[in-house]
């Protein structure tokens, strides 16, 4: 059994790449929903990403919660959404417009209910 170290060294990308720090600040918002337990989290994440608009850069599930105050067959999920505009500072209105679209779509597609925290 032999390993060709020369070939492995050629395949390795040793050049480091850097990206500049963002010029404008990002905004993070958390959205919580009560949603059916039968709905896959990947489907929710994909729907958020597809409907979050051009400034939504990242969507991350940060909490999954169930207790006696949540209806049977449901749980609460919380997503952290990160918004960024590389050309200027985002306004509250731009972020809220994106969130309204996300909420509307999740209510329509999955019968999700926004959870007020």
Protein backbone atom coordinates (compact mmCIF):
# COMPACT_ATOMS: atom_id res chain seq x y z
CA UNK A 1 0.00 0.00 0.00
CA UNK A 2 1.50 3.32 -1.10
CA UNK A 3 0.43 6.94 -0.78
CA UNK A 4 1.64 9.39 -3.38
CA UNK A 5 2.51 12.38 -1.20
CA UNK A 6 3.53 14.48 -4.18
CA UNK A 7 0.07 14.05 -5.71
CA UNK A 8 -1.60 14.90 -2.38
CA UNK A 9 0.56 18.00 -2.00
CA UNK A 10 -0.44 19.16 -5.48
CA UNK A 11 -4.13 18.65 -4.69
CA UNK A 12 -3.96 20.64 -1.47
CA UNK A 13 -4.86 24.28 -1.86
CA UNK A 14 -2.36 25.97 0.42
CA UNK A 15 -3.17 29.47 -0.74
CA UNK A 16 -5.27 31.29 1.82
CA UNK A 17 -8.10 33.44 0.62
CA UNK A 18 -9.46 36.37 2.53
CA UNK A 19 -12.59 38.40 2.14
CA UNK A 20 -12.82 41.98 3.36
CA UNK A 21 -14.84 42.87 6.42
CA UNK A 22 -18.28 44.21 5.56
CA UNK A 23 -18.37 47.96 5.13
CA UNK A 24 -21.92 48.23 6.50
CA UNK A 25 -23.37 46.57 9.62
CA UNK A 26 -25.54 43.49 9.51
CA UNK A 27 -28.84 43.11 11.35
CA UNK A 28 -29.91 39.98 13.20
CA UNK A 29 -33.51 39.24 14.09
CA UNK A 30 -35.09 36.21 15.74
CA UNK A 31 -38.45 34.91 14.55
CA UNK A 32 -40.38 32.31 16.56
CA UNK A 33 -43.26 30.25 15.24
CA UNK A 34 -45.60 27.58 16.50
CA UNK A 35 -45.65 24.94 13.80
CA UNK A 36 -46.69 21.32 13.32
CA UNK A 37 -44.20 18.69 14.47
CA UNK A 38 -44.66 16.87 11.16
CA UNK A 39 -43.03 19.70 9.19
CA UNK A 40 -39.35 19.23 8.38
CA UNK A 41 -37.04 21.99 9.58
CA UNK A 42 -35.16 21.90 6.25
CA UNK A 43 -38.42 22.78 4.49
CA UNK A 44 -38.93 25.74 6.82
CA UNK A 45 -35.33 26.93 6.37
CA UNK A 46 -35.59 26.65 2.59
CA UNK A 47 -38.87 28.57 2.52
CA UNK A 48 -37.39 31.33 4.68
CA UNK A 49 -34.31 31.57 2.45
CA UNK A 50 -36.39 31.65 -0.73
CA UNK A 51 -38.75 34.35 0.55
CA UNK A 52 -36.42 36.47 2.68
CA UNK A 53 -35.44 38.84 -0.09
CA UNK A 54 -32.07 39.94 -1.39
CA UNK A 55 -30.72 41.14 1.96
CA UNK A 56 -31.29 37.90 3.90
CA UNK A 57 -27.82 36.35 4.07
CA UNK A 58 -28.22 33.61 6.66
CA UNK A 59 -30.99 31.64 8.34
CA UNK A 60 -30.20 29.47 11.36
CA UNK A 61 -32.43 27.32 13.57
CA UNK A 62 -31.50 28.30 17.13
CA UNK A 63 -34.28 26.84 19.26
CA UNK A 64 -36.85 24.06 19.25
CA UNK A 65 -39.23 24.20 22.19
CA UNK A 66 -42.21 22.20 23.46
CA UNK A 67 -44.25 22.54 26.66
CA UNK A 68 -47.82 22.28 27.92
CA UNK A 69 -48.72 25.77 26.61
CA UNK A 70 -48.08 24.73 23.01
CA UNK A 71 -50.90 22.80 21.29
CA UNK A 72 -50.53 19.03 20.92
CA UNK A 73 -48.74 18.03 17.74
CA UNK A 74 -46.93 21.37 17.55
CA UNK A 75 -43.71 22.93 18.81
CA UNK A 76 -42.11 26.33 18.84
CA UNK A 77 -39.15 26.97 16.56
CA UNK A 78 -36.93 30.03 16.51
CA UNK A 79 -34.77 31.10 13.59
CA UNK A 80 -32.05 33.72 13.70
CA UNK A 81 -32.06 35.73 10.47
CA UNK A 82 -29.05 37.77 9.39
CA UNK A 83 -29.55 40.63 6.95
CA UNK A 84 -26.86 42.58 5.15
CA UNK A 85 -26.58 45.03 2.29
CA UNK A 86 -23.07 45.43 0.84
CA UNK A 87 -23.92 48.83 -0.68
CA UNK A 88 -25.42 50.76 2.24
CA UNK A 89 -26.87 50.52 5.72
CA UNK A 90 -30.14 48.61 5.90
CA UNK A 91 -33.22 50.37 7.17
CA UNK A 92 -35.71 48.96 9.63
CA UNK A 93 -38.35 49.15 6.88
CA UNK A 94 -36.30 46.94 4.54
CA UNK A 95 -35.86 44.27 7.21
CA UNK A 96 -39.51 44.43 8.30
CA UNK A 97 -40.67 44.03 4.70
CA UNK A 98 -38.60 40.86 4.43
CA UNK A 99 -39.93 39.54 7.74
CA UNK A 100 -43.54 40.23 6.73
CA UNK A 101 -43.03 38.20 3.55
CA UNK A 102 -41.47 35.33 5.52
CA UNK A 103 -44.28 35.33 8.09
CA UNK A 104 -46.99 35.48 5.41
CA UNK A 105 -45.44 32.60 3.47
CA UNK A 106 -44.97 30.37 6.54
CA UNK A 107 -48.55 31.04 7.64
CA UNK A 108 -49.82 30.16 4.17
CA UNK A 109 -47.64 27.11 3.45
CA UNK A 110 -47.34 25.51 6.90
CA UNK A 111 -50.15 27.12 8.92
CA UNK A 112 -47.44 28.51 11.21
CA UNK A 113 -48.35 31.06 13.87
CA UNK A 114 -45.92 33.82 14.79
CA UNK A 115 -45.00 33.55 18.44
CA UNK A 116 -44.67 36.83 20.31
CA UNK A 117 -41.76 36.74 22.72
